[in-house]
């Protein structure tokens, strides 16, 4: 048995054995600039009221805009959207390059073609170690069709991959 306080790399590798979906979370800064990032910490919390959560590393350049926004949109990616996941994990200046986004609630940029999309009011924020946990109240959602893009063992997977 390993102690996570003494071996953070092994702890991270063990966590990587839990398959997660991939999302892109988007919002607007107070100045109206779009912000977004790839997130795999998305989770449902409650049906009544409809609540979801995700977390963001403290000190991230996206922390202040997400703390301040009234709404954000969570986009669940499908198996053919690895490039979109990488785009939003890369250079902040290029994250919205080539995308035509409609404005959602609170101006949150909405990306088309995702498996699901949740427009959330930025309801609650909690410190959680080296991350900030966001709990959003879902005010609108859309459901698409297809297979999910997964992350497992440090890489992208599809649901049908062994």
N, C-alpha and C. Protein backbone atom coordinates (compact mmCIF):
# COMPACT_ATOMS: atom_id res chain seq x y z
N UNK A 1 0.83 -1.18 0.00
CA UNK A 1 0.00 0.00 0.00
C UNK A 1 0.88 1.24 0.00
N UNK A 2 0.45 2.25 -0.76
CA UNK A 2 1.19 3.51 -0.83
C UNK A 2 0.45 4.59 -0.07
N UNK A 3 1.20 5.53 0.42
CA UNK A 3 0.65 6.69 1.10
C UNK A 3 0.62 7.85 0.11
N UNK A 4 -0.56 8.44 -0.20
CA UNK A 4 -0.62 9.51 -1.20
C UNK A 4 0.19 10.74 -0.82
N UNK A 5 0.40 10.96 0.48
CA UNK A 5 1.19 12.11 0.91
C UNK A 5 2.66 11.94 0.56
N UNK A 6 3.11 10.68 0.39
CA UNK A 6 4.52 10.42 0.09
C UNK A 6 4.79 10.09 -1.37
N UNK A 7 3.77 9.75 -2.11
CA UNK A 7 3.97 9.34 -3.50
C UNK A 7 2.82 9.87 -4.36
N UNK A 8 2.85 11.19 -4.64
CA UNK A 8 1.74 11.82 -5.37
C UNK A 8 1.64 11.31 -6.81
N UNK A 9 2.76 10.93 -7.44
CA UNK A 9 2.70 10.41 -8.81
C UNK A 9 1.97 9.07 -8.84
N UNK A 10 2.27 8.19 -7.91
CA UNK A 10 1.58 6.91 -7.84
C UNK A 10 0.10 7.11 -7.53
N UNK A 11 -0.21 8.08 -6.67
CA UNK A 11 -1.60 8.40 -6.35
C UNK A 11 -2.33 8.86 -7.61
N UNK A 12 -1.70 9.75 -8.36
CA UNK A 12 -2.31 10.24 -9.61
C UNK A 12 -2.51 9.09 -10.60
N UNK A 13 -1.54 8.22 -10.73
CA UNK A 13 -1.66 7.08 -11.63
C UNK A 13 -2.81 6.16 -11.21
N UNK A 14 -2.97 5.94 -9.90
CA UNK A 14 -4.08 5.12 -9.41
C UNK A 14 -5.42 5.78 -9.71
N UNK A 15 -5.50 7.09 -9.54
CA UNK A 15 -6.74 7.81 -9.88
C UNK A 15 -7.05 7.69 -11.37
N UNK A 16 -6.02 7.63 -12.19
CA UNK A 16 -6.19 7.50 -13.63
C UNK A 16 -6.83 6.19 -14.06
N UNK A 17 -6.95 5.24 -13.15
CA UNK A 17 -7.60 3.97 -13.46
C UNK A 17 -9.11 4.05 -13.32
N UNK A 18 -9.61 5.22 -12.94
CA UNK A 18 -11.05 5.46 -12.94
C UNK A 18 -11.38 6.19 -14.24
N UNK A 19 -12.09 5.52 -15.13
CA UNK A 19 -12.44 6.12 -16.42
C UNK A 19 -13.40 7.30 -16.21
N UNK A 20 -13.10 8.40 -16.87
CA UNK A 20 -13.96 9.58 -16.78
C UNK A 20 -14.34 10.05 -18.17
N UNK A 21 -15.44 10.76 -18.24
CA UNK A 21 -15.79 11.46 -19.46
C UNK A 21 -14.96 12.72 -19.57
N UNK A 22 -14.99 13.33 -20.74
CA UNK A 22 -14.25 14.56 -20.99
C UNK A 22 -15.26 15.66 -21.27
N UNK A 23 -15.07 16.81 -20.63
CA UNK A 23 -15.93 17.96 -20.87
C UNK A 23 -15.08 19.18 -21.21
N UNK A 24 -15.74 20.15 -21.82
CA UNK A 24 -15.17 21.48 -21.99
C UNK A 24 -16.13 22.42 -21.27
N UNK A 25 -15.57 23.25 -20.39
CA UNK A 25 -16.37 24.22 -19.64
C UNK A 25 -16.04 25.60 -20.18
N UNK A 26 -17.09 26.38 -20.48
CA UNK A 26 -16.90 27.71 -21.06
C UNK A 26 -17.68 28.77 -20.26
N UNK A 27 -17.19 30.00 -20.33
CA UNK A 27 -17.85 31.14 -19.67
C UNK A 27 -17.35 32.42 -20.34
N UNK A 28 -17.74 33.54 -19.79
CA UNK A 28 -17.25 34.85 -20.24
C UNK A 28 -16.63 35.58 -19.06
N UNK A 29 -15.56 36.33 -19.35
CA UNK A 29 -14.96 37.18 -18.34
C UNK A 29 -15.88 38.39 -18.12
N UNK A 30 -15.66 39.16 -17.06
CA UNK A 30 -16.45 40.39 -16.89
C UNK A 30 -16.33 41.35 -18.07
N UNK A 31 -15.22 41.25 -18.82
CA UNK A 31 -15.02 42.09 -20.01
C UNK A 31 -15.63 41.50 -21.27
N UNK A 32 -16.26 40.32 -21.15
CA UNK A 32 -16.91 39.70 -22.29
C UNK A 32 -16.06 38.76 -23.11
N UNK A 33 -14.82 38.51 -22.68
CA UNK A 33 -13.95 37.59 -23.41
C UNK A 33 -14.34 36.15 -23.08
N UNK A 34 -14.32 35.26 -24.09
CA UNK A 34 -14.63 33.86 -23.79
C UNK A 34 -13.47 33.17 -23.08
N UNK A 35 -13.79 32.32 -22.14
CA UNK A 35 -12.80 31.48 -21.47
C UNK A 35 -13.31 30.06 -21.49
N UNK A 36 -12.40 29.11 -21.51
CA UNK A 36 -12.81 27.71 -21.50
C UNK A 36 -11.63 26.81 -21.24
N UNK A 37 -11.91 25.59 -20.83
CA UNK A 37 -10.87 24.62 -20.57
C UNK A 37 -11.45 23.22 -20.58
N UNK A 38 -10.56 22.26 -20.80
CA UNK A 38 -10.94 20.85 -20.76
C UNK A 38 -10.94 20.39 -19.31
N UNK A 39 -12.00 19.64 -18.95
CA UNK A 39 -12.18 19.20 -17.56
C UNK A 39 -12.66 17.75 -17.57
N UNK A 40 -12.06 16.91 -16.72
CA UNK A 40 -12.59 15.56 -16.57
C UNK A 40 -13.12 15.31 -15.16
N UNK A 41 -13.25 16.37 -14.38
CA UNK A 41 -13.75 16.24 -13.01
C UNK A 41 -15.24 16.51 -12.89
N UNK A 42 -15.97 16.43 -13.97
CA UNK A 42 -17.41 16.67 -13.98
C UNK A 42 -18.16 15.53 -13.30
N UNK A 43 -19.22 15.89 -12.56
CA UNK A 43 -19.99 14.87 -11.86
C UNK A 43 -21.40 15.40 -11.57
N UNK A 44 -22.37 14.51 -11.57
CA UNK A 44 -23.72 14.90 -11.14
C UNK A 44 -23.75 14.94 -9.62
N UNK A 45 -24.59 15.81 -9.07
CA UNK A 45 -24.72 15.95 -7.63
C UNK A 45 -26.14 15.64 -7.19
N UNK A 46 -27.14 16.26 -7.85
CA UNK A 46 -28.52 16.17 -7.38
C UNK A 46 -29.48 16.34 -8.55
N UNK A 47 -30.59 15.62 -8.49
CA UNK A 47 -31.66 15.81 -9.47
C UNK A 47 -32.62 16.91 -9.04
N UNK A 48 -32.87 17.02 -7.75
CA UNK A 48 -33.77 18.03 -7.19
C UNK A 48 -33.09 18.73 -6.04
N UNK A 49 -32.58 19.91 -6.24
CA UNK A 49 -32.51 20.67 -7.49
C UNK A 49 -31.44 20.07 -8.42
N UNK A 50 -31.50 20.42 -9.70
CA UNK A 50 -30.52 19.87 -10.65
C UNK A 50 -29.14 20.52 -10.47
N UNK A 51 -28.22 19.77 -9.87
CA UNK A 51 -26.88 20.29 -9.58
C UNK A 51 -25.81 19.38 -10.17
N UNK A 52 -24.75 20.00 -10.67
CA UNK A 52 -23.56 19.29 -11.16
C UNK A 52 -22.34 19.97 -10.55
N UNK A 53 -21.20 19.26 -10.59
CA UNK A 53 -19.98 19.88 -10.09
C UNK A 53 -18.81 19.59 -11.01
N UNK A 54 -17.80 20.42 -10.87
CA UNK A 54 -16.51 20.23 -11.54
C UNK A 54 -15.47 20.98 -10.72
N UNK A 55 -14.20 20.70 -10.95
CA UNK A 55 -13.17 21.38 -10.16
C UNK A 55 -12.08 21.95 -11.06
N UNK A 56 -11.42 22.97 -10.51
CA UNK A 56 -10.40 23.72 -11.24
C UNK A 56 -9.20 23.91 -10.32
N UNK A 57 -8.02 23.68 -10.85
CA UNK A 57 -6.79 23.83 -10.09
C UNK A 57 -6.62 25.27 -9.61
N UNK A 58 -6.33 25.42 -8.31
CA UNK A 58 -6.07 26.75 -7.77
C UNK A 58 -4.85 27.35 -8.46
N UNK A 59 -4.93 28.63 -8.75
CA UNK A 59 -3.83 29.30 -9.44
C UNK A 59 -3.90 29.21 -10.94
N UNK A 60 -4.88 28.48 -11.47
CA UNK A 60 -5.07 28.41 -12.91
C UNK A 60 -5.38 29.80 -13.45
N UNK A 61 -4.90 30.15 -14.64
CA UNK A 61 -5.26 31.44 -15.22
C UNK A 61 -6.77 31.60 -15.42
N UNK A 62 -7.48 30.48 -15.45
CA UNK A 62 -8.94 30.53 -15.63
C UNK A 62 -9.69 30.68 -14.30
N UNK A 63 -8.98 30.61 -13.19
CA UNK A 63 -9.66 30.64 -11.88
C UNK A 63 -10.47 31.91 -11.67
N UNK A 64 -9.88 33.08 -11.85
CA UNK A 64 -10.59 34.34 -11.59
C UNK A 64 -11.83 34.51 -12.47
N UNK A 65 -11.73 34.26 -13.79
CA UNK A 65 -12.94 34.41 -14.61
C UNK A 65 -14.06 33.45 -14.21
N UNK A 66 -13.72 32.21 -13.86
CA UNK A 66 -14.77 31.28 -13.47
C UNK A 66 -15.34 31.59 -12.09
N UNK A 67 -14.53 32.12 -11.20
CA UNK A 67 -15.05 32.56 -9.90
C UNK A 67 -16.08 33.68 -10.09
N UNK A 68 -15.82 34.57 -11.06
CA UNK A 68 -16.62 35.78 -11.22
C UNK A 68 -17.84 35.63 -12.14
N UNK A 69 -17.87 34.62 -12.99
CA UNK A 69 -18.95 34.53 -13.98
C UNK A 69 -20.28 34.18 -13.31
N UNK A 70 -21.36 34.62 -13.94
CA UNK A 70 -22.69 34.28 -13.42
C UNK A 70 -23.13 32.89 -13.87
N UNK A 71 -22.67 32.48 -15.06
CA UNK A 71 -23.06 31.20 -15.65
C UNK A 71 -21.86 30.59 -16.38
N UNK A 72 -21.90 29.30 -16.53
CA UNK A 72 -20.95 28.59 -17.38
C UNK A 72 -21.68 27.46 -18.07
N UNK A 73 -21.08 26.96 -19.15
CA UNK A 73 -21.66 25.85 -19.91
C UNK A 73 -20.69 24.68 -19.87
N UNK A 74 -21.22 23.50 -19.61
CA UNK A 74 -20.43 22.28 -19.58
C UNK A 74 -20.83 21.44 -20.78
N UNK A 75 -19.85 21.12 -21.63
CA UNK A 75 -20.06 20.38 -22.87
C UNK A 75 -19.47 18.98 -22.71
N UNK A 76 -20.28 17.95 -22.79
CA UNK A 76 -19.80 16.57 -22.71
C UNK A 76 -19.37 16.15 -24.12
N UNK A 77 -18.10 15.75 -24.25
CA UNK A 77 -17.54 15.45 -25.57
C UNK A 77 -17.81 14.02 -25.99
N UNK A 78 -17.95 13.86 -27.31
CA UNK A 78 -18.14 12.56 -27.92
C UNK A 78 -16.83 11.98 -28.41
N UNK A 79 -16.88 10.70 -28.81
CA UNK A 79 -15.66 9.97 -29.17
C UNK A 79 -14.86 10.61 -30.31
N UNK A 80 -15.48 11.38 -31.16
CA UNK A 80 -14.75 12.02 -32.26
C UNK A 80 -14.25 13.41 -31.93
N UNK A 81 -14.23 13.80 -30.67
CA UNK A 81 -13.89 15.17 -30.31
C UNK A 81 -12.58 15.29 -29.52
N UNK A 82 -11.65 14.39 -29.79
CA UNK A 82 -10.34 14.49 -29.15
C UNK A 82 -9.64 15.80 -29.48
N UNK A 83 -9.74 16.23 -30.72
CA UNK A 83 -9.09 17.48 -31.12
C UNK A 83 -9.65 18.67 -30.34
N UNK A 84 -10.96 18.68 -30.12
CA UNK A 84 -11.57 19.76 -29.34
C UNK A 84 -11.07 19.72 -27.89
N UNK A 85 -10.97 18.53 -27.32
CA UNK A 85 -10.43 18.38 -25.97
C UNK A 85 -9.01 18.92 -25.90
N UNK A 86 -8.18 18.57 -26.85
CA UNK A 86 -6.79 19.05 -26.88
C UNK A 86 -6.73 20.56 -27.08
N UNK A 87 -7.61 21.09 -27.93
CA UNK A 87 -7.63 22.53 -28.19
C UNK A 87 -7.90 23.30 -26.90
N UNK A 88 -8.83 22.84 -26.09
CA UNK A 88 -9.17 23.54 -24.86
C UNK A 88 -8.22 23.21 -23.71
N UNK A 89 -7.32 22.26 -23.92
CA UNK A 89 -6.28 21.97 -22.94
C UNK A 89 -4.98 22.70 -23.31
N UNK A 90 -4.94 23.28 -24.51
CA UNK A 90 -3.74 23.93 -25.00
C UNK A 90 -3.71 25.42 -24.71
N UNK A 91 -3.06 26.14 -25.59
CA UNK A 91 -2.86 27.58 -25.46
C UNK A 91 -4.18 28.33 -25.27
N UNK A 92 -4.24 29.16 -24.23
CA UNK A 92 -5.48 29.91 -23.94
C UNK A 92 -5.90 30.78 -25.12
N UNK A 93 -4.93 31.31 -25.85
CA UNK A 93 -5.24 32.21 -26.97
C UNK A 93 -5.89 31.48 -28.14
N UNK A 94 -5.69 30.17 -28.23
CA UNK A 94 -6.19 29.39 -29.36
C UNK A 94 -7.42 28.55 -29.04
N UNK A 95 -7.92 28.62 -27.84
CA UNK A 95 -8.99 27.71 -27.43
C UNK A 95 -10.27 27.88 -28.23
N UNK A 96 -10.59 29.09 -28.63
CA UNK A 96 -11.83 29.32 -29.39
C UNK A 96 -11.56 29.50 -30.88
N UNK A 97 -10.32 29.28 -31.32
CA UNK A 97 -9.95 29.46 -32.73
C UNK A 97 -10.77 28.52 -33.62
N UNK A 98 -11.38 29.09 -34.63
CA UNK A 98 -12.15 28.32 -35.60
C UNK A 98 -13.53 27.88 -35.14
N UNK A 99 -13.94 28.27 -33.95
CA UNK A 99 -15.25 27.86 -33.44
C UNK A 99 -16.27 28.99 -33.59
N UNK A 100 -17.45 28.63 -34.00
CA UNK A 100 -18.59 29.55 -34.01
C UNK A 100 -19.45 29.17 -32.82
N UNK A 101 -19.50 30.03 -31.83
CA UNK A 101 -20.24 29.73 -30.61
C UNK A 101 -21.42 30.68 -30.45
N UNK A 102 -22.57 30.12 -30.12
CA UNK A 102 -23.72 30.94 -29.75
C UNK A 102 -23.54 31.35 -28.30
N UNK A 103 -24.28 32.37 -27.88
CA UNK A 103 -24.24 32.78 -26.48
C UNK A 103 -25.35 32.10 -25.71
N UNK A 104 -24.97 31.46 -24.60
CA UNK A 104 -25.92 30.83 -23.70
C UNK A 104 -26.25 31.76 -22.56
N UNK A 105 -26.80 31.20 -21.52
CA UNK A 105 -27.14 31.97 -20.33
C UNK A 105 -25.90 32.67 -19.78
N UNK A 106 -26.04 33.93 -19.42
CA UNK A 106 -24.90 34.68 -18.92
C UNK A 106 -23.82 34.91 -19.95
N UNK A 107 -24.12 34.67 -21.23
CA UNK A 107 -23.13 34.85 -22.29
C UNK A 107 -22.18 33.69 -22.47
N UNK A 108 -22.35 32.61 -21.71
CA UNK A 108 -21.43 31.47 -21.83
C UNK A 108 -21.42 30.95 -23.25
N UNK A 109 -20.24 30.81 -23.87
CA UNK A 109 -20.16 30.29 -25.24
C UNK A 109 -20.67 28.85 -25.31
N UNK A 110 -21.50 28.59 -26.30
CA UNK A 110 -22.07 27.25 -26.50
C UNK A 110 -21.45 26.62 -27.74
N UNK A 111 -20.86 25.45 -27.55
CA UNK A 111 -20.22 24.70 -28.63
C UNK A 111 -21.20 23.66 -29.14
N UNK A 112 -21.40 23.63 -30.45
CA UNK A 112 -22.31 22.66 -31.05
C UNK A 112 -21.64 21.30 -31.21
N UNK A 113 -22.48 20.27 -31.35
CA UNK A 113 -22.01 18.94 -31.71
C UNK A 113 -21.54 18.08 -30.56
N UNK A 114 -21.83 18.46 -29.34
CA UNK A 114 -21.40 17.68 -28.18
C UNK A 114 -22.49 16.67 -27.80
N UNK A 115 -22.11 15.67 -27.01
CA UNK A 115 -23.09 14.67 -26.57
C UNK A 115 -24.17 15.27 -25.69
N UNK A 116 -23.77 16.19 -24.83
CA UNK A 116 -24.72 16.87 -23.94
C UNK A 116 -24.13 18.22 -23.60
N UNK A 117 -25.02 19.13 -23.23
CA UNK A 117 -24.59 20.47 -22.84
C UNK A 117 -25.46 20.93 -21.69
N UNK A 118 -24.80 21.44 -20.64
CA UNK A 118 -25.50 21.91 -19.45
C UNK A 118 -25.16 23.38 -19.24
N UNK A 119 -26.18 24.22 -19.20
CA UNK A 119 -25.98 25.64 -18.91
C UNK A 119 -26.30 25.83 -17.43
N UNK A 120 -25.31 26.31 -16.69
CA UNK A 120 -25.39 26.32 -15.24
C UNK A 120 -25.21 27.73 -14.66
N UNK A 121 -25.99 28.01 -13.64
CA UNK A 121 -25.75 29.20 -12.83
C UNK A 121 -24.61 28.84 -11.88
N UNK A 122 -23.67 29.74 -11.74
CA UNK A 122 -22.50 29.56 -10.88
C UNK A 122 -22.94 29.71 -9.43
N UNK A 123 -23.48 28.64 -8.86
CA UNK A 123 -24.17 28.67 -7.57
C UNK A 123 -23.24 28.68 -6.36
N UNK A 124 -22.35 27.70 -6.28
CA UNK A 124 -21.52 27.52 -5.09
C UNK A 124 -20.08 27.20 -5.47
N UNK A 125 -19.16 27.62 -4.62
CA UNK A 125 -17.74 27.31 -4.80
C UNK A 125 -17.17 26.91 -3.45
N UNK A 126 -16.39 25.82 -3.45
CA UNK A 126 -15.82 25.30 -2.22
C UNK A 126 -14.33 25.03 -2.41
N UNK A 127 -13.50 25.36 -1.42
CA UNK A 127 -12.10 24.95 -1.50
C UNK A 127 -12.02 23.44 -1.32
N UNK A 128 -11.15 22.82 -2.09
CA UNK A 128 -10.93 21.38 -1.98
C UNK A 128 -9.47 21.06 -2.22
N UNK A 129 -8.64 21.23 -1.20
CA UNK A 129 -7.20 20.98 -1.35
C UNK A 129 -6.59 21.95 -2.33
N UNK A 130 -5.98 21.43 -3.39
CA UNK A 130 -5.34 22.30 -4.39
C UNK A 130 -6.28 22.66 -5.53
N UNK A 131 -7.58 22.43 -5.34
CA UNK A 131 -8.59 22.76 -6.35
C UNK A 131 -9.73 23.58 -5.75
N UNK A 132 -10.48 24.22 -6.62
CA UNK A 132 -11.70 24.91 -6.27
C UNK A 132 -12.84 24.10 -6.89
N UNK A 133 -13.82 23.74 -6.09
CA UNK A 133 -14.95 22.93 -6.55
C UNK A 133 -16.11 23.86 -6.87
N UNK A 134 -16.62 23.77 -8.09
CA UNK A 134 -17.76 24.57 -8.53
C UNK A 134 -19.00 23.68 -8.54
N UNK A 135 -20.07 24.14 -7.92
CA UNK A 135 -21.35 23.46 -7.98
C UNK A 135 -22.29 24.38 -8.76
N UNK A 136 -22.79 23.87 -9.88
CA UNK A 136 -23.66 24.66 -10.75
C UNK A 136 -25.09 24.16 -10.72
N UNK A 137 -26.00 25.09 -10.72
CA UNK A 137 -27.43 24.75 -10.83
C UNK A 137 -27.77 24.74 -12.32
N UNK A 138 -28.18 23.60 -12.83
CA UNK A 138 -28.49 23.46 -14.25
C UNK A 138 -29.81 24.18 -14.54
N UNK A 139 -29.74 25.17 -15.43
CA UNK A 139 -30.92 25.93 -15.80
C UNK A 139 -31.47 25.51 -17.17
N UNK A 140 -30.58 24.99 -18.02
CA UNK A 140 -30.99 24.43 -19.32
C UNK A 140 -30.01 23.35 -19.69
N UNK A 141 -30.49 22.36 -20.45
CA UNK A 141 -29.59 21.33 -20.95
C UNK A 141 -30.11 20.82 -22.28
N UNK A 142 -29.18 20.23 -23.04
CA UNK A 142 -29.51 19.58 -24.31
C UNK A 142 -28.82 18.23 -24.32
N UNK A 143 -29.47 17.29 -24.97
CA UNK A 143 -28.90 15.95 -25.09
C UNK A 143 -28.75 15.60 -26.56
N UNK A 144 -27.57 15.14 -26.94
CA UNK A 144 -27.32 14.72 -28.31
C UNK A 144 -27.30 13.20 -28.39
N UNK A 145 -26.57 12.69 -29.36
CA UNK A 145 -26.47 11.25 -29.55
C UNK A 145 -25.03 10.90 -29.88
N UNK A 146 -24.66 9.66 -29.61
CA UNK A 146 -23.32 9.18 -29.94
C UNK A 146 -22.68 8.50 -28.77
N UNK A 147 -21.40 8.19 -28.94
CA UNK A 147 -20.62 7.51 -27.91
C UNK A 147 -19.70 8.53 -27.23
N UNK A 148 -19.38 8.31 -25.95
CA UNK A 148 -18.58 9.28 -25.21
C UNK A 148 -17.09 9.19 -25.51
N UNK A 149 -16.41 10.30 -25.31
CA UNK A 149 -14.95 10.33 -25.27
C UNK A 149 -14.56 10.10 -23.82
N UNK A 150 -13.71 9.11 -23.58
CA UNK A 150 -13.30 8.77 -22.22
C UNK A 150 -11.82 9.04 -22.03
N UNK A 151 -11.44 9.18 -20.77
CA UNK A 151 -10.04 9.31 -20.39
C UNK A 151 -9.74 8.22 -19.37
N UNK A 152 -8.73 7.41 -19.65
CA UNK A 152 -8.39 6.29 -18.78
C UNK A 152 -6.90 5.99 -18.88
N UNK A 153 -6.25 5.84 -17.75
CA UNK A 153 -4.84 5.45 -17.75
C UNK A 153 -3.93 6.41 -18.48
N UNK A 154 -4.27 7.69 -18.47
CA UNK A 154 -3.42 8.70 -19.10
C UNK A 154 -3.67 8.91 -20.57
N UNK A 155 -4.75 8.34 -21.13
CA UNK A 155 -5.02 8.53 -22.55
C UNK A 155 -6.50 8.52 -22.89
N UNK A 156 -6.80 8.97 -24.09
CA UNK A 156 -8.17 8.98 -24.58
C UNK A 156 -8.60 7.58 -24.95
N UNK A 157 -9.87 7.29 -24.73
CA UNK A 157 -10.44 6.01 -25.11
C UNK A 157 -11.85 6.23 -25.61
N UNK A 158 -12.33 5.26 -26.34
CA UNK A 158 -13.74 5.21 -26.70
C UNK A 158 -14.39 4.12 -25.87
N UNK A 159 -15.65 4.11 -25.83
CA UNK A 159 -16.35 3.12 -24.98
C UNK A 159 -16.16 1.70 -25.51
N UNK A 160 -15.91 1.55 -26.79
CA UNK A 160 -15.76 0.21 -27.38
C UNK A 160 -14.33 -0.29 -27.36
N UNK A 161 -13.38 0.54 -26.95
CA UNK A 161 -11.98 0.12 -26.94
C UNK A 161 -11.71 -0.81 -25.77
N UNK A 162 -10.88 -1.84 -26.00
CA UNK A 162 -10.51 -2.75 -24.90
C UNK A 162 -9.60 -2.09 -23.90
